[in-house]
Protein backbone atom coordinates (compact mmCIF):
# COMPACT_ATOMS: atom_id res chain seq x y z
CA UNK A 1 66.97 8.02 88.60
CA UNK A 2 65.40 11.48 88.35
CA UNK A 3 65.41 11.79 92.12
CA UNK A 4 69.13 10.96 92.25
CA UNK A 5 69.93 13.54 89.58
CA UNK A 6 67.82 16.19 91.29
CA UNK A 7 69.42 15.38 94.65
CA UNK A 8 72.89 15.87 93.20
CA UNK A 9 71.84 19.18 91.65
CA UNK A 10 70.37 20.22 95.01
CA UNK A 11 73.66 19.43 96.74
CA UNK A 12 75.64 21.51 94.23
CA UNK A 13 73.18 24.41 94.24
CA UNK A 14 72.99 24.49 98.05
CA UNK A 15 76.78 24.42 98.35
CA UNK A 16 77.16 27.34 95.93
CA UNK A 17 74.48 29.29 97.78
CA UNK A 18 76.02 28.74 101.22
CA UNK A 19 79.48 29.67 99.93
CA UNK A 20 78.06 32.84 98.36
CA UNK A 21 76.50 33.87 101.68
CA UNK A 22 80.01 34.08 103.14
CA UNK A 23 82.24 34.89 100.19
CA UNK A 24 79.96 36.37 97.51
CA UNK A 25 79.24 37.36 94.86
CA UNK A 26 75.76 38.37 96.02
CA UNK A 27 74.07 37.57 92.70
CA UNK A 28 74.80 33.88 93.35
CA UNK A 29 72.60 34.06 96.46
CA UNK A 30 69.77 35.48 94.35
CA UNK A 31 70.18 32.67 91.83
CA UNK A 32 71.01 29.58 93.87
CA UNK A 33 68.84 30.12 96.96
CA UNK A 34 65.52 29.93 95.07
CA UNK A 35 66.99 27.41 92.63
CA UNK A 36 67.79 24.96 95.45
CA UNK A 37 64.26 25.07 96.86
CA UNK A 38 62.81 24.81 93.34
CA UNK A 39 64.83 21.64 92.70
CA UNK A 40 63.58 20.20 96.00
CA UNK A 41 60.02 21.05 94.97
CA UNK A 42 60.57 19.17 91.71
CA UNK A 43 61.34 15.98 93.65
CA UNK A 44 57.92 16.13 95.32
CA UNK A 45 56.12 17.22 92.15
CA UNK A 46 57.71 14.44 90.08
CA UNK A 47 56.70 11.66 92.48
CA UNK A 48 54.53 9.01 90.83
CA UNK A 49 52.25 6.21 92.02
CA UNK A 50 51.75 4.93 94.63
CA UNK A 51 51.50 8.36 96.23
CA UNK A 52 48.56 9.82 98.12
CA UNK A 53 47.55 12.81 95.99
CA UNK A 54 46.40 14.90 98.96
CA UNK A 55 49.74 14.29 100.66
CA UNK A 56 51.69 15.06 97.48
CA UNK A 57 49.99 18.32 96.61
CA UNK A 58 49.89 19.58 100.19
CA UNK A 59 53.68 19.10 100.34
CA UNK A 60 54.15 20.73 96.92
CA UNK A 61 52.07 23.73 98.01
CA UNK A 62 54.01 23.92 101.27
CA UNK A 63 57.30 23.95 99.37
CA UNK A 64 55.95 26.69 97.10
CA UNK A 65 55.11 28.85 100.11
CA UNK A 66 58.59 28.20 101.55
CA UNK A 67 60.10 29.21 98.21
CA UNK A 68 58.26 32.53 98.53
CA UNK A 69 59.65 32.84 102.05
CA UNK A 70 63.17 32.21 100.75
CA UNK A 71 62.76 35.04 98.24
CA UNK A 72 61.49 37.47 100.89
CA UNK A 73 64.42 36.66 103.20
CA UNK A 74 67.08 37.24 100.56
CA UNK A 75 65.79 40.64 99.39
CA UNK A 76 67.96 43.65 100.31
CA UNK A 77 65.19 45.30 102.35
CA UNK A 78 63.90 43.66 105.51
CA UNK A 79 60.90 41.52 104.53
CA UNK A 80 60.92 39.34 107.62
CA UNK A 81 57.18 39.50 108.28
CA UNK A 82 56.15 38.50 104.74
CA UNK A 83 58.75 35.72 104.92
CA UNK A 84 57.39 34.57 108.28
CA UNK A 85 53.87 34.55 106.87
CA UNK A 86 54.96 32.52 103.84
CA UNK A 87 56.72 29.93 105.97
CA UNK A 88 53.73 29.78 108.31
CA UNK A 89 51.49 28.94 105.34
CA UNK A 90 54.03 26.30 104.33
CA UNK A 91 53.89 24.74 107.79
CA UNK A 92 50.08 24.65 107.65
CA UNK A 93 50.30 22.78 104.34
CA UNK A 94 52.72 20.30 105.90
CA UNK A 95 50.33 19.80 108.82
CA UNK A 96 47.53 19.04 106.36
CA UNK A 97 49.77 16.49 104.61
CA UNK A 98 50.91 14.77 107.79
CA UNK A 99 47.36 14.68 109.12
CA UNK A 100 46.01 12.88 106.04
CA UNK A 101 45.29 9.18 106.46
CA UNK A 102 46.15 8.80 110.15
CA UNK A 103 44.31 8.91 113.46
CA UNK A 104 44.82 12.14 115.39
CA UNK A 105 45.92 12.48 118.08
CA UNK A 106 47.40 9.13 119.01
CA UNK A 107 48.78 10.27 122.35
CA UNK A 108 48.85 13.76 123.79
CA UNK A 109 52.10 12.82 125.54
CA UNK A 110 53.90 13.01 122.20
CA UNK A 111 53.51 16.77 122.14
CA UNK A 112 55.21 17.32 125.50
CA UNK A 113 58.82 17.40 124.22
CA UNK A 114 57.84 19.92 121.56
CA UNK A 115 55.99 22.06 124.10
CA UNK A 116 59.02 22.12 126.40
CA UNK A 117 61.35 22.93 123.52
CA UNK A 118 59.09 25.73 122.30
CA UNK A 119 58.86 27.21 125.79
CA UNK A 120 62.67 27.23 126.09
CA UNK A 121 63.12 28.88 122.68
CA UNK A 122 60.56 31.58 123.48
CA UNK A 123 62.15 32.15 126.89
CA UNK A 124 65.52 32.72 125.21
CA UNK A 125 64.14 35.07 122.54
CA UNK A 126 61.13 36.76 124.15
CA UNK A 127 62.73 39.92 125.53
CA UNK A 128 64.43 40.57 122.16
CA UNK A 129 61.35 40.23 119.91
CA UNK A 130 59.70 43.59 120.64
CA UNK A 131 56.78 44.10 118.21
CA UNK A 132 57.33 40.67 116.64
CA UNK A 133 56.34 38.75 119.76
CA UNK A 134 52.88 37.74 118.57
CA UNK A 135 53.91 36.76 115.00
CA UNK A 136 56.88 34.76 116.28
CA UNK A 137 54.78 33.11 118.98
CA UNK A 138 52.21 32.08 116.37
CA UNK A 139 54.89 30.70 114.08
CA UNK A 140 56.59 28.75 116.86
CA UNK A 141 53.28 27.13 117.80
CA UNK A 142 52.53 26.17 114.19
CA UNK A 143 55.96 24.71 113.39
CA UNK A 144 55.96 22.67 116.60
CA UNK A 145 52.48 21.35 115.78
CA UNK A 146 53.87 20.43 112.37
CA UNK A 147 56.73 18.48 113.94
CA UNK A 148 54.35 16.86 116.43
CA UNK A 149 52.01 15.79 113.64
CA UNK A 150 54.97 14.32 111.73
CA UNK A 151 55.78 12.24 114.81
CA UNK A 152 52.14 11.17 115.12
CA UNK A 153 52.23 10.00 111.51
CA UNK A 154 55.41 8.03 112.11
CA UNK A 155 53.96 6.34 115.21
CA UNK A 156 50.70 5.55 113.42
CA UNK A 157 52.13 4.24 110.15
CA UNK A 158 55.73 3.15 110.66
CA UNK A 159 56.29 4.05 107.01
CA UNK A 160 59.58 5.14 105.44
CA UNK A 161 57.69 8.17 104.17
CA UNK A 162 56.71 9.16 107.70
CA UNK A 163 60.28 8.71 108.96
CA UNK A 164 61.64 11.01 106.25
CA UNK A 165 58.94 13.56 107.03
CA UNK A 166 59.64 13.45 110.75
CA UNK A 167 63.39 13.85 110.32
CA UNK A 168 62.70 16.73 107.95
CA UNK A 169 60.34 18.32 110.47
CA UNK A 170 62.94 18.12 113.26
CA UNK A 171 65.61 19.66 111.05
CA UNK A 172 63.19 22.43 110.10
CA UNK A 173 62.68 23.23 113.77
CA UNK A 174 66.46 23.30 114.34
CA UNK A 175 66.97 25.52 111.29
CA UNK A 176 64.41 28.07 112.44
CA UNK A 177 65.85 28.00 115.96
CA UNK A 178 69.29 28.90 114.62
CA UNK A 179 67.78 31.62 112.45
CA UNK A 180 65.85 33.06 115.39
CA UNK A 181 68.82 33.07 117.77
CA UNK A 182 71.05 34.69 115.16
CA UNK A 183 68.49 37.34 114.22
CA UNK A 184 67.11 38.26 117.61
CA UNK A 185 69.50 37.15 120.37
CA UNK A 186 73.12 36.99 119.24
CA UNK A 187 74.73 36.77 115.83
CA UNK A 188 77.28 34.02 115.25
CA UNK A 189 79.43 33.42 112.19
CA UNK A 190 78.28 29.87 111.49
CA UNK A 191 74.60 30.86 111.64
CA UNK A 192 74.05 30.89 107.88
CA UNK A 193 75.70 27.50 107.42
CA UNK A 194 73.78 25.90 110.29
CA UNK A 195 70.47 27.45 109.24
CA UNK A 196 70.80 26.60 105.56
CA UNK A 197 72.24 23.09 105.86
CA UNK A 198 69.47 22.02 108.25
CA UNK A 199 66.85 23.85 106.17
CA UNK A 200 67.78 22.23 102.89
CA UNK A 201 68.07 18.79 104.48
CA UNK A 202 64.66 19.34 106.08
CA UNK A 203 62.97 20.28 102.83
CA UNK A 204 64.75 17.49 100.96
CA UNK A 205 63.55 14.90 103.49
CA UNK A 206 59.98 16.19 103.37
CA UNK A 207 60.02 16.20 99.56
CA UNK A 208 61.44 12.66 99.47
CA UNK A 209 58.65 11.50 101.79
CA UNK A 210 56.19 12.09 98.96
CA UNK A 211 57.77 9.32 96.89
CA UNK A 212 57.02 6.73 99.56
CA UNK A 213 53.61 7.99 100.74
CA UNK A 214 50.99 5.23 100.39
CA UNK A 215 47.51 4.56 101.66
CA UNK A 216 48.63 1.53 103.66
CA UNK A 217 48.66 2.06 107.42
CA UNK A 218 50.70 -0.15 109.70
CA UNK A 219 48.99 -0.61 113.06
């Protein structure tokens, strides 16, 4: 019941935030952007048995780092690098969670689609990154490893938890792609909506995966 209530509050908070990005007032962005991620974090933190504690707290820590990244991105001054660093730490926490309790790697072939996608994204953005090439390259590698590891977990376990995590990981990749294209290549009006809708769905799915994370592995 708590998860349903929190999910409804997340939907409302996210909708207010996205509307405020386009129509204002600006203070609503400062309130509802961190509030939405905080509510998502509460879903993961409130998960009870039978959860794997390492998985739970790695996800909670990852969400906390992403919350810090949200705050950096919404500040009036450009804090892109601190935001990028915060999200990178969040992705590393997610990798640790998805790695727990499964064999790794199951098949190197599973990384190929992510490698191709990452190469295409970097090809599109590379000439526009200037001094941010190395930080962005590092982040792209880490987030794609995160998505790959989520897929490995799904293949290894077949669990509902792993499916939610994998869908969340894919949406996270799409969200950051939209953010990167809008920031570095070409701005487009729907960028905020696309970035935020996919981002919040991604974090919600990853947080929900905690509630179904068990020690049982399906071969």
